[in-house]
C-alpha atoms as a PDB file:
ATOM      1  CA  MET A   1      13.453  -2.144 -20.881  1.00  0.00           C
ATOM      2  CA  GLU A   2      12.415   0.096 -23.533  1.00  0.00           C
ATOM      3  CA  ILE A   3       8.566   2.597 -22.349  1.00  0.00           C
ATOM      4  CA  ASP A   4       6.654   3.024 -25.819  1.00  0.00           C
ATOM      5  CA  ALA A   5       3.768   3.331 -26.790  1.00  0.00           C
ATOM      6  CA  GLN A   6       2.947   0.347 -26.800  1.00  0.00           C
ATOM      7  CA  LEU A   7       4.535  -0.781 -22.945  1.00  0.00           C
ATOM      8  CA  ILE A   8       1.917   1.960 -21.827  1.00  0.00           C
ATOM      9  CA  ALA A   9      -1.866   0.441 -24.245  1.00  0.00           C
ATOM     10  CA  TYR A  10      -0.615  -2.600 -22.144  1.00  0.00           C
ATOM     11  CA  LEU A  11      -0.418  -0.867 -18.614  1.00  0.00           C
ATOM     12  CA  GLU A  12      -3.365   0.877 -20.004  1.00  0.00           C
ATOM     13  CA  GLU A  13      -5.281  -2.108 -20.430  1.00  0.00           C
ATOM     14  CA  LEU A  14      -4.173  -4.504 -17.833  1.00  0.00           C
ATOM     15  CA  SER A  15      -4.740  -1.291 -15.270  1.00  0.00           C
ATOM     16  CA  CYS A  16      -8.129  -0.422 -16.895  1.00  0.00           C
ATOM     17  CA  LEU A  17      -7.606   2.741 -16.825  1.00  0.00           C
ATOM     18  CA  ILE A  18      -8.279   5.085 -19.776  1.00  0.00           C
ATOM     19  CA  LEU A  19      -5.977   7.624 -19.847  1.00  0.00           C
ATOM     20  CA  SER A  20      -5.189  11.071 -22.054  1.00  0.00           C
ATOM     21  CA  GLU A  21      -2.229  11.351 -24.583  1.00  0.00           C
ATOM     22  CA  ARG A  22      -0.996  14.231 -21.677  1.00  0.00           C
ATOM     23  CA  GLU A  23      -0.936  12.199 -19.094  1.00  0.00           C
ATOM     24  CA  LYS A  24      -0.312   8.833 -21.824  1.00  0.00           C
ATOM     25  CA  GLN A  25       3.446  11.422 -21.626  1.00  0.00           C
ATOM     26  CA  ARG A  26       3.489  11.983 -18.994  1.00  0.00           C
ATOM     27  CA  LEU A  27       3.891   8.723 -17.867  1.00  0.00           C
ATOM     28  CA  THR A  28       6.094   7.723 -19.555  1.00  0.00           C
ATOM     29  CA  ASP A  29       8.167  10.124 -18.993  1.00  0.00           C
ATOM     30  CA  ASP A  30       7.870   9.202 -14.768  1.00  0.00           C
ATOM     31  CA  LEU A  31       8.504   5.392 -15.908  1.00  0.00           C
ATOM     32  CA  ARG A  32      11.655   6.792 -17.538  1.00  0.00           C
ATOM     33  CA  GLU A  33      12.919   8.618 -15.334  1.00  0.00           C
ATOM     34  CA  ILE A  34      11.908   5.787 -12.670  1.00  0.00           C
ATOM     35  CA  LEU A  35      14.504   3.512 -14.244  1.00  0.00           C
ATOM     36  CA  ASN A  36      17.040   5.970 -15.421  1.00  0.00           C
ATOM     37  CA  SER A  37      16.881   6.613 -11.514  1.00  0.00           C
ATOM     38  CA  MET A  38      17.343   2.617 -11.461  1.00  0.00           C
ATOM     39  CA  ALA A  39      20.180   2.817 -13.930  1.00  0.00           C
ATOM     40  CA  ARG A  40      22.169   5.061 -11.361  1.00  0.00           C
ATOM     41  CA  LEU A  41      22.333   3.270  -8.683  1.00  0.00           C
ATOM     42  CA  GLU A  42      23.766  -0.453 -11.295  1.00  0.00           C
ATOM     43  CA  GLU A  43      26.362   1.627 -11.018  1.00  0.00           C
ATOM     44  CA  LEU A  44      27.679   1.698  -6.869  1.00  0.00           C
ATOM     45  CA  ASN A  45      30.775   0.301  -5.483  1.00  0.00           C
ATOM     46  CA  THR A  46      29.173  -2.440  -3.243  1.00  0.00           C
ATOM     47  CA  THR A  47      31.756  -5.432  -2.696  1.00  0.00           C
ATOM     48  CA  GLY A  48      31.830  -5.772   0.336  1.00  0.00           C
ATOM     49  CA  VAL A  49      28.480  -4.368   1.703  1.00  0.00           C
ATOM     50  CA  PRO A  50      26.141  -6.815   3.436  1.00  0.00           C
ATOM     51  CA  GLU A  51      22.923  -7.381   1.723  1.00  0.00           C
ATOM     52  CA  ARG A  52      20.241  -6.850   3.917  1.00  0.00           C
ATOM     53  CA  SER A  53      16.264  -6.680   3.578  1.00  0.00           C
ATOM     54  CA  HIS A  54      16.325  -3.661   5.680  1.00  0.00           C
ATOM     55  CA  PRO A  55      18.443   0.085   6.318  1.00  0.00           C
ATOM     56  CA  PHE A  56      18.522  -0.569  10.053  1.00  0.00           C
ATOM     57  CA  ASP A  57      19.551  -3.524  12.569  1.00  0.00           C
ATOM     58  CA  ASN A  58      16.477  -3.648  14.441  1.00  0.00           C
ATOM     59  CA  VAL A  59      14.340  -6.197  15.043  1.00  0.00           C
ATOM     60  CA  ASN A  60      10.954  -5.966  15.705  1.00  0.00           C
ATOM     61  CA  ALA A  61       9.958  -5.086  19.741  1.00  0.00           C
ATOM     62  CA  PHE A  62       7.402  -7.631  20.773  1.00  0.00           C
ATOM     63  CA  ARG A  63       5.890  -7.083  23.635  1.00  0.00           C
ATOM     64  CA  GLU A  64       4.023  -9.865  25.719  1.00  0.00           C
ATOM     65  CA  ASP A  65       0.306 -10.697  25.480  1.00  0.00           C
ATOM     66  CA  VAL A  66      -0.936  -9.124  28.538  1.00  0.00           C
ATOM     67  CA  VAL A  67      -4.934  -9.260  29.493  1.00  0.00           C
ATOM     68  CA  GLN A  68      -6.021  -6.089  31.450  1.00  0.00           C
ATOM     69  CA  PRO A  69      -9.377  -4.310  31.584  1.00  0.00           C
ATOM     70  CA  SER A  70     -11.740  -3.633  29.004  1.00  0.00           C
ATOM     71  CA  LEU A  71     -14.758  -1.249  28.164  1.00  0.00           C
ATOM     72  CA  SER A  72     -17.804  -2.588  29.026  1.00  0.00           C
ATOM     73  CA  ARG A  73     -20.675  -3.541  27.121  1.00  0.00           C
ATOM     74  CA  GLU A  74     -23.006  -1.111  28.077  1.00  0.00           C
ATOM     75  CA  HIS A  75     -21.024   1.656  27.790  1.00  0.00           C
ATOM     76  CA  ILE A  76     -20.101   0.189  23.945  1.00  0.00           C
ATOM     77  CA  LEU A  77     -23.264   0.459  22.820  1.00  0.00           C
ATOM     78  CA  GLN A  78     -24.534   3.258  25.030  1.00  0.00           C
ATOM     79  CA  ASN A  79     -23.272   5.540  21.806  1.00  0.00           C
ATOM     80  CA  ALA A  80     -24.132   3.435  19.113  1.00  0.00           C
ATOM     81  CA  PRO A  81     -27.428   5.017  16.395  1.00  0.00           C
ATOM     82  CA  ALA A  82     -28.654   1.273  16.979  1.00  0.00           C
ATOM     83  CA  HIS A  83     -28.471  -1.437  18.979  1.00  0.00           C
ATOM     84  CA  ASN A  84     -30.266  -4.549  20.862  1.00  0.00           C
ATOM     85  CA  SER A  85     -28.509  -5.460  24.630  1.00  0.00           C
ATOM     86  CA  GLU A  86     -25.513  -7.480  23.292  1.00  0.00           C
ATOM     87  CA  PHE A  87     -24.953  -6.082  19.711  1.00  0.00           C
ATOM     88  CA  PHE A  88     -25.015  -3.195  17.170  1.00  0.00           C
ATOM     89  CA  ILE A  89     -27.120  -3.389  14.317  1.00  0.00           C
ATOM     90  CA  ALA A  90     -26.462  -1.838  10.747  1.00  0.00           C
ATOM     91  CA  PRO A  91     -28.828  -1.770   7.963  1.00  0.00           C
ATOM     92  CA  LYS A  92     -29.445  -4.580   5.635  1.00  0.00           C
ATOM     93  CA  THR A  93     -26.432  -4.269   2.709  1.00  0.00           C
ATOM     94  CA  VAL A  94     -26.939  -7.075   1.053  1.00  0.00           C
ATOM     95  CA  GLU A  95     -30.509  -9.116  -0.728  1.00  0.00           C
END
């Protein structure tokens, strides 16, 4: 893939950014470096290496859900700047 001014302008438009010439040059250099790094990976001999989605064999260690005591409503509301007997009161943000 060729990293050129046209691609950088396209990416700038997609991301709704306005980049300076210095930023565009840095982005161009960074993208070229990333693509060169990926190209080096293609040179590796992966014959016999199993495909993986993660480098470790670990699987998720889920725990059983256990009902435990919780804080009381009064305790939770006691430090709220504004509340009634059941809920936090927040300033209106939408008309």
